[in-house]
PDB file of N, CA and C in Angstrom:
ATOM      1  N   UNK A   1      81.575  96.959  77.498  1.00  0.00           N
ATOM      2  CA  UNK A   1      80.684  97.561  78.322  1.00  0.00           C
ATOM      3  C   UNK A   1      79.982  97.188  79.963  1.00  0.00           C
ATOM      4  N   UNK A   2      80.634  97.728  80.717  1.00  0.00           N
ATOM      5  CA  UNK A   2      80.135  98.095  81.971  1.00  0.00           C
ATOM      6  C   UNK A   2      79.480  98.056  82.486  1.00  0.00           C
ATOM      7  N   UNK A   3      78.676  96.644  83.211  1.00  0.00           N
ATOM      8  CA  UNK A   3      77.028  96.567  83.566  1.00  0.00           C
ATOM      9  C   UNK A   3      76.976  97.988  84.730  1.00  0.00           C
ATOM     10  N   UNK A   4      76.134  98.140  84.523  1.00  0.00           N
ATOM     11  CA  UNK A   4      75.403  99.426  85.673  1.00  0.00           C
ATOM     12  C   UNK A   4      74.903  98.504  86.714  1.00  0.00           C
ATOM     13  N   UNK A   5      75.342  98.642  88.203  1.00  0.00           N
ATOM     14  CA  UNK A   5      74.608  97.549  89.516  1.00  0.00           C
ATOM     15  C   UNK A   5      73.258  97.676  89.776  1.00  0.00           C
ATOM     16  N   UNK A   6      72.750  96.560  89.917  1.00  0.00           N
ATOM     17  CA  UNK A   6      71.479  96.461  89.999  1.00  0.00           C
ATOM     18  C   UNK A   6      71.030  96.450  91.569  1.00  0.00           C
ATOM     19  N   UNK A   7      70.219  97.214  92.131  1.00  0.00           N
ATOM     20  CA  UNK A   7      69.750  97.004  93.365  1.00  0.00           C
ATOM     21  C   UNK A   7      68.453  96.257  93.869  1.00  0.00           C
ATOM     22  N   UNK A   8      68.456  95.968  94.676  1.00  0.00           N
ATOM     23  CA  UNK A   8      66.938  95.309  95.433  1.00  0.00           C
ATOM     24  C   UNK A   8      66.343  95.680  94.723  1.00  0.00           C
ATOM     25  N   UNK A   9      66.372  96.875  95.323  1.00  0.00           N
ATOM     26  CA  UNK A   9      64.813  98.301  94.573  1.00  0.00           C
ATOM     27  C   UNK A   9      65.064  97.996  93.496  1.00  0.00           C
ATOM     28  N   UNK A  10      65.821  97.370  92.149  1.00  0.00           N
ATOM     29  CA  UNK A  10      65.251  97.609  91.249  1.00  0.00           C
ATOM     30  C   UNK A  10      64.713  96.135  90.271  1.00  0.00           C
ATOM     31  N   UNK A  11      64.953  95.502  91.482  1.00  0.00           N
ATOM     32  CA  UNK A  11      64.464  94.397  91.430  1.00  0.00           C
ATOM     33  C   UNK A  11      63.094  93.873  91.761  1.00  0.00           C
ATOM     34  N   UNK A  12      62.737  94.681  92.857  1.00  0.00           N
ATOM     35  CA  UNK A  12      60.967  94.795  93.411  1.00  0.00           C
ATOM     36  C   UNK A  12      60.102  95.800  92.177  1.00  0.00           C
ATOM     37  N   UNK A  13      61.200  97.046  91.768  1.00  0.00           N
ATOM     38  CA  UNK A  13      60.768  97.843  90.963  1.00  0.00           C
ATOM     39  C   UNK A  13      59.582  96.887  90.038  1.00  0.00           C
ATOM     40  N   UNK A  14      60.934  96.318  89.288  1.00  0.00           N
ATOM     41  CA  UNK A  14      60.167  95.676  87.683  1.00  0.00           C
ATOM     42  C   UNK A  14      59.134  94.340  88.263  1.00  0.00           C
ATOM     43  N   UNK A  15      59.977  93.578  89.518  1.00  0.00           N
ATOM     44  CA  UNK A  15      58.472  92.590  89.561  1.00  0.00           C
ATOM     45  C   UNK A  15      56.950  93.368  90.202  1.00  0.00           C
ATOM     46  N   UNK A  16      57.306  94.855  90.615  1.00  0.00           N
ATOM     47  CA  UNK A  16      55.219  95.549  90.724  1.00  0.00           C
ATOM     48  C   UNK A  16      55.378  95.706  89.225  1.00  0.00           C
ATOM     49  N   UNK A  17      56.083  96.009  88.420  1.00  0.00           N
ATOM     50  CA  UNK A  17      55.178  96.278  87.292  1.00  0.00           C
ATOM     51  C   UNK A  17      55.077  95.551  86.810  1.00  0.00           C
ATOM     52  N   UNK A  18      55.590  94.059  86.738  1.00  0.00           N
ATOM     53  CA  UNK A  18      54.692  92.773  85.638  1.00  0.00           C
ATOM     54  C   UNK A  18      53.715  92.732  86.923  1.00  0.00           C
ATOM     55  N   UNK A  19      53.733  92.426  88.029  1.00  0.00           N
ATOM     56  CA  UNK A  19      52.526  92.096  88.816  1.00  0.00           C
ATOM     57  C   UNK A  19      51.044  92.794  88.445  1.00  0.00           C
ATOM     58  N   UNK A  20      51.327  94.721  88.156  1.00  0.00           N
ATOM     59  CA  UNK A  20      50.288  95.393  87.629  1.00  0.00           C
ATOM     60  C   UNK A  20      50.411  94.996  85.888  1.00  0.00           C
ATOM     61  N   UNK A  21      50.716  94.863  85.326  1.00  0.00           N
ATOM     62  CA  UNK A  21      50.873  94.399  84.076  1.00  0.00           C
ATOM     63  C   UNK A  21      49.427  93.285  83.833  1.00  0.00           C
ATOM     64  N   UNK A  22      50.101  92.107  85.109  1.00  0.00           N
ATOM     65  CA  UNK A  22      49.219  91.197  84.551  1.00  0.00           C
ATOM     66  C   UNK A  22      47.777  91.217  84.642  1.00  0.00           C
ATOM     67  N   UNK A  23      47.350  92.092  86.122  1.00  0.00           N
ATOM     68  CA  UNK A  23      46.291  92.184  86.721  1.00  0.00           C
ATOM     69  C   UNK A  23      45.770  93.241  85.787  1.00  0.00           C
ATOM     70  N   UNK A  24      46.303  94.197  84.716  1.00  0.00           N
ATOM     71  CA  UNK A  24      45.926  94.883  83.755  1.00  0.00           C
ATOM     72  C   UNK A  24      45.486  93.965  82.518  1.00  0.00           C
ATOM     73  N   UNK A  25      46.306  93.142  82.218  1.00  0.00           N
ATOM     74  CA  UNK A  25      46.038  91.648  81.062  1.00  0.00           C
ATOM     75  C   UNK A  25      44.919  90.963  81.867  1.00  0.00           C
ATOM     76  N   UNK A  26      44.829  90.760  82.982  1.00  0.00           N
ATOM     77  CA  UNK A  26      43.486  90.011  83.201  1.00  0.00           C
ATOM     78  C   UNK A  26      41.868  90.782  82.849  1.00  0.00           C
ATOM     79  N   UNK A  27      42.066  92.302  83.745  1.00  0.00           N
ATOM     80  CA  UNK A  27      41.242  93.191  83.594  1.00  0.00           C
ATOM     81  C   UNK A  27      40.606  93.460  81.833  1.00  0.00           C
ATOM     82  N   UNK A  28      41.756  93.617  81.143  1.00  0.00           N
ATOM     83  CA  UNK A  28      41.128  93.998  79.486  1.00  0.00           C
ATOM     84  C   UNK A  28      41.178  92.498  79.238  1.00  0.00           C
ATOM     85  N   UNK A  29      41.170  91.487  78.824  1.00  0.00           N
ATOM     86  CA  UNK A  29      41.080  90.493  79.114  1.00  0.00           C
ATOM     87  C   UNK A  29      39.232  89.942  79.607  1.00  0.00           C
ATOM     88  N   UNK A  30      39.449  90.411  80.765  1.00  0.00           N
ATOM     89  CA  UNK A  30      37.511  89.924  80.955  1.00  0.00           C
ATOM     90  C   UNK A  30      36.773  91.281  80.520  1.00  0.00           C
ATOM     91  N   UNK A  31      37.109  92.080  80.146  1.00  0.00           N
ATOM     92  CA  UNK A  31      36.171  93.027  79.841  1.00  0.00           C
ATOM     93  C   UNK A  31      36.035  93.129  77.981  1.00  0.00           C
ATOM     94  N   UNK A  32      37.204  91.982  77.318  1.00  0.00           N
ATOM     95  CA  UNK A  32      36.832  91.753  75.899  1.00  0.00           C
ATOM     96  C   UNK A  32      37.512  93.031  75.215  1.00  0.00           C
ATOM     97  N   UNK A  33      38.583  93.683  75.000  1.00  0.00           N
ATOM     98  CA  UNK A  33      39.380  94.495  75.086  1.00  0.00           C
ATOM     99  C   UNK A  33      40.447  93.971  74.478  1.00  0.00           C
ATOM    100  N   UNK A  34      40.286  93.061  73.555  1.00  0.00           N
ATOM    101  CA  UNK A  34      41.227  91.826  72.559  1.00  0.00           C
ATOM    102  C   UNK A  34      42.697  92.830  72.123  1.00  0.00           C
ATOM    103  N   UNK A  35      42.982  93.996  71.664  1.00  0.00           N
ATOM    104  CA  UNK A  35      43.513  94.500  71.076  1.00  0.00           C
ATOM    105  C   UNK A  35      44.608  95.317  72.194  1.00  0.00           C
ATOM    106  N   UNK A  36      44.096  95.913  73.301  1.00  0.00           N
ATOM    107  CA  UNK A  36      44.990  96.415  74.185  1.00  0.00           C
ATOM    108  C   UNK A  36      45.455  95.439  74.595  1.00  0.00           C
ATOM    109  N   UNK A  37      44.350  94.133  75.182  1.00  0.00           N
ATOM    110  CA  UNK A  37      45.096  93.141  75.971  1.00  0.00           C
ATOM    111  C   UNK A  37      47.068  92.770  75.608  1.00  0.00           C
ATOM    112  N   UNK A  38      46.262  92.615  73.675  1.00  0.00           N
ATOM    113  CA  UNK A  38      47.158  92.178  73.034  1.00  0.00           C
ATOM    114  C   UNK A  38      48.858  93.013  72.911  1.00  0.00           C
ATOM    115  N   UNK A  39      48.574  94.357  72.959  1.00  0.00           N
ATOM    116  CA  UNK A  39      49.375  95.244  73.361  1.00  0.00           C
ATOM    117  C   UNK A  39      49.923  94.993  74.950  1.00  0.00           C
ATOM    118  N   UNK A  40      48.762  95.479  76.184  1.00  0.00           N
ATOM    119  CA  UNK A  40      49.806  95.053  76.957  1.00  0.00           C
ATOM    120  C   UNK A  40      50.268  93.059  77.606  1.00  0.00           C
ATOM    121  N   UNK A  41      50.083  92.142  76.522  1.00  0.00           N
ATOM    122  CA  UNK A  41      50.742  90.920  76.560  1.00  0.00           C
ATOM    123  C   UNK A  41      52.114  91.440  76.454  1.00  0.00           C
ATOM    124  N   UNK A  42      52.415  92.659  75.284  1.00  0.00           N
ATOM    125  CA  UNK A  42      53.473  92.776  74.539  1.00  0.00           C
ATOM    126  C   UNK A  42      54.258  93.619  75.410  1.00  0.00           C
ATOM    127  N   UNK A  43      54.081  94.274  76.389  1.00  0.00           N
ATOM    128  CA  UNK A  43      54.600  94.966  77.179  1.00  0.00           C
ATOM    129  C   UNK A  43      54.753  93.475  78.508  1.00  0.00           C
ATOM    130  N   UNK A  44      54.008  93.189  78.681  1.00  0.00           N
ATOM    131  CA  UNK A  44      54.095  92.033  80.021  1.00  0.00           C
ATOM    132  C   UNK A  44      55.224  91.721  79.029  1.00  0.00           C
ATOM    133  N   UNK A  45      55.904  90.865  78.252  1.00  0.00           N
ATOM    134  CA  UNK A  45      56.888  89.635  77.734  1.00  0.00           C
ATOM    135  C   UNK A  45      58.181  91.062  77.477  1.00  0.00           C
ATOM    136  N   UNK A  46      58.370  92.443  77.375  1.00  0.00           N
ATOM    137  CA  UNK A  46      59.476  93.004  77.287  1.00  0.00           C
ATOM    138  C   UNK A  46      59.912  93.454  78.954  1.00  0.00           C
ATOM    139  N   UNK A  47      58.434  93.437  80.176  1.00  0.00           N
ATOM    140  CA  UNK A  47      58.808  93.530  81.331  1.00  0.00           C
ATOM    141  C   UNK A  47      59.645  92.571  81.698  1.00  0.00           C
ATOM    142  N   UNK A  48      59.439  91.566  81.223  1.00  0.00           N
ATOM    143  CA  UNK A  48      59.851  90.153  81.707  1.00  0.00           C
ATOM    144  C   UNK A  48      61.524  89.757  81.328  1.00  0.00           C
ATOM    145  N   UNK A  49      61.698  90.473  80.115  1.00  0.00           N
ATOM    146  CA  UNK A  49      63.140  90.245  79.563  1.00  0.00           C
ATOM    147  C   UNK A  49      63.756  91.287  80.338  1.00  0.00           C
ATOM    148  N   UNK A  50      62.851  92.419  80.967  1.00  0.00           N
ATOM    149  CA  UNK A  50      64.130  93.426  81.691  1.00  0.00           C
ATOM    150  C   UNK A  50      64.055  93.197  83.236  1.00  0.00           C
ATOM    151  N   UNK A  51      63.273  92.120  83.563  1.00  0.00           N
ATOM    152  CA  UNK A  51      63.702  91.306  84.286  1.00  0.00           C
ATOM    153  C   UNK A  51      64.634  90.508  84.896  1.00  0.00           C
ATOM    154  N   UNK A  52      65.141  89.503  83.794  1.00  0.00           N
ATOM    155  CA  UNK A  52      66.498  88.747  83.450  1.00  0.00           C
ATOM    156  C   UNK A  52      67.175  89.747  83.390  1.00  0.00           C
ATOM    157  N   UNK A  53      67.181  90.681  82.667  1.00  0.00           N
ATOM    158  CA  UNK A  53      68.598  91.964  82.626  1.00  0.00           C
ATOM    159  C   UNK A  53      68.252  92.643  83.699  1.00  0.00           C
ATOM    160  N   UNK A  54      67.759  92.621  84.832  1.00  0.00           N
ATOM    161  CA  UNK A  54      68.556  92.860  85.984  1.00  0.00           C
ATOM    162  C   UNK A  54      69.117  92.210  86.770  1.00  0.00           C
ATOM    163  N   UNK A  55      68.220  90.912  87.257  1.00  0.00           N
ATOM    164  CA  UNK A  55      68.464  90.207  87.212  1.00  0.00           C
ATOM    165  C   UNK A  55      70.261  89.648  87.354  1.00  0.00           C
ATOM    166  N   UNK A  56      70.609  89.516  85.703  1.00  0.00           N
ATOM    167  CA  UNK A  56      71.807  89.203  85.441  1.00  0.00           C
ATOM    168  C   UNK A  56      72.745  90.212  85.671  1.00  0.00           C
ATOM    169  N   UNK A  57      72.400  91.805  86.003  1.00  0.00           N
ATOM    170  CA  UNK A  57      72.599  92.650  86.210  1.00  0.00           C
ATOM    171  C   UNK A  57      73.316  92.922  87.982  1.00  0.00           C
ATOM    172  N   UNK A  58      72.398  92.287  88.781  1.00  0.00           N
ATOM    173  CA  UNK A  58      72.567  91.997  90.541  1.00  0.00           C
ATOM    174  C   UNK A  58      72.911  90.776  90.744  1.00  0.00           C
ATOM    175  N   UNK A  59      73.503  89.826  90.063  1.00  0.00           N
ATOM    176  CA  UNK A  59      74.394  88.208  89.928  1.00  0.00           C
ATOM    177  C   UNK A  59      75.729  89.181  89.641  1.00  0.00           C
ATOM    178  N   UNK A  60      75.556  89.551  88.044  1.00  0.00           N
ATOM    179  CA  UNK A  60      77.595  90.220  87.655  1.00  0.00           C
ATOM    180  C   UNK A  60      78.009  91.052  89.031  1.00  0.00           C
ATOM    181  N   UNK A  61      77.156  91.933  89.194  1.00  0.00           N
ATOM    182  CA  UNK A  61      78.189  93.176  90.158  1.00  0.00           C
ATOM    183  C   UNK A  61      77.759  92.678  91.532  1.00  0.00           C
ATOM    184  N   UNK A  62      77.357  91.409  91.578  1.00  0.00           N
ATOM    185  CA  UNK A  62      77.559  90.791  93.633  1.00  0.00           C
ATOM    186  C   UNK A  62      78.728  90.117  93.394  1.00  0.00           C
ATOM    187  N   UNK A  63      79.068  89.123  91.838  1.00  0.00           N
ATOM    188  CA  UNK A  63      80.178  88.550  91.800  1.00  0.00           C
ATOM    189  C   UNK A  63      80.984  89.165  91.645  1.00  0.00           C
ATOM    190  N   UNK A  64      81.080  90.597  91.387  1.00  0.00           N
ATOM    191  CA  UNK A  64      82.342  91.349  91.451  1.00  0.00           C
ATOM    192  C   UNK A  64      82.742  91.834  92.611  1.00  0.00           C
ATOM    193  N   UNK A  65      82.313  91.643  93.675  1.00  0.00           N
ATOM    194  CA  UNK A  65      82.078  92.822  95.047  1.00  0.00           C
ATOM    195  C   UNK A  65      83.073  91.393  95.612  1.00  0.00           C
ATOM    196  N   UNK A  66      82.589  89.995  95.046  1.00  0.00           N
ATOM    197  CA  UNK A  66      83.373  89.394  96.287  1.00  0.00           C
ATOM    198  C   UNK A  66      84.652  89.142  96.154  1.00  0.00           C
TER     199      UNK A  66
END
């Protein structure tokens, strides 16, 4: 299966999503919302996996164009 090329915008969007989730986690933890914070922690883990995939797509498409 061929990977769809990742752009710098894709990397930036994922980074922004991770930053937003980190801020939400901090606020929810401070507010004592334990269950919601746990769900956001899972979402953050998933977003970090997506970040690795975007990086891989960017690396492979850059490598193929050289």
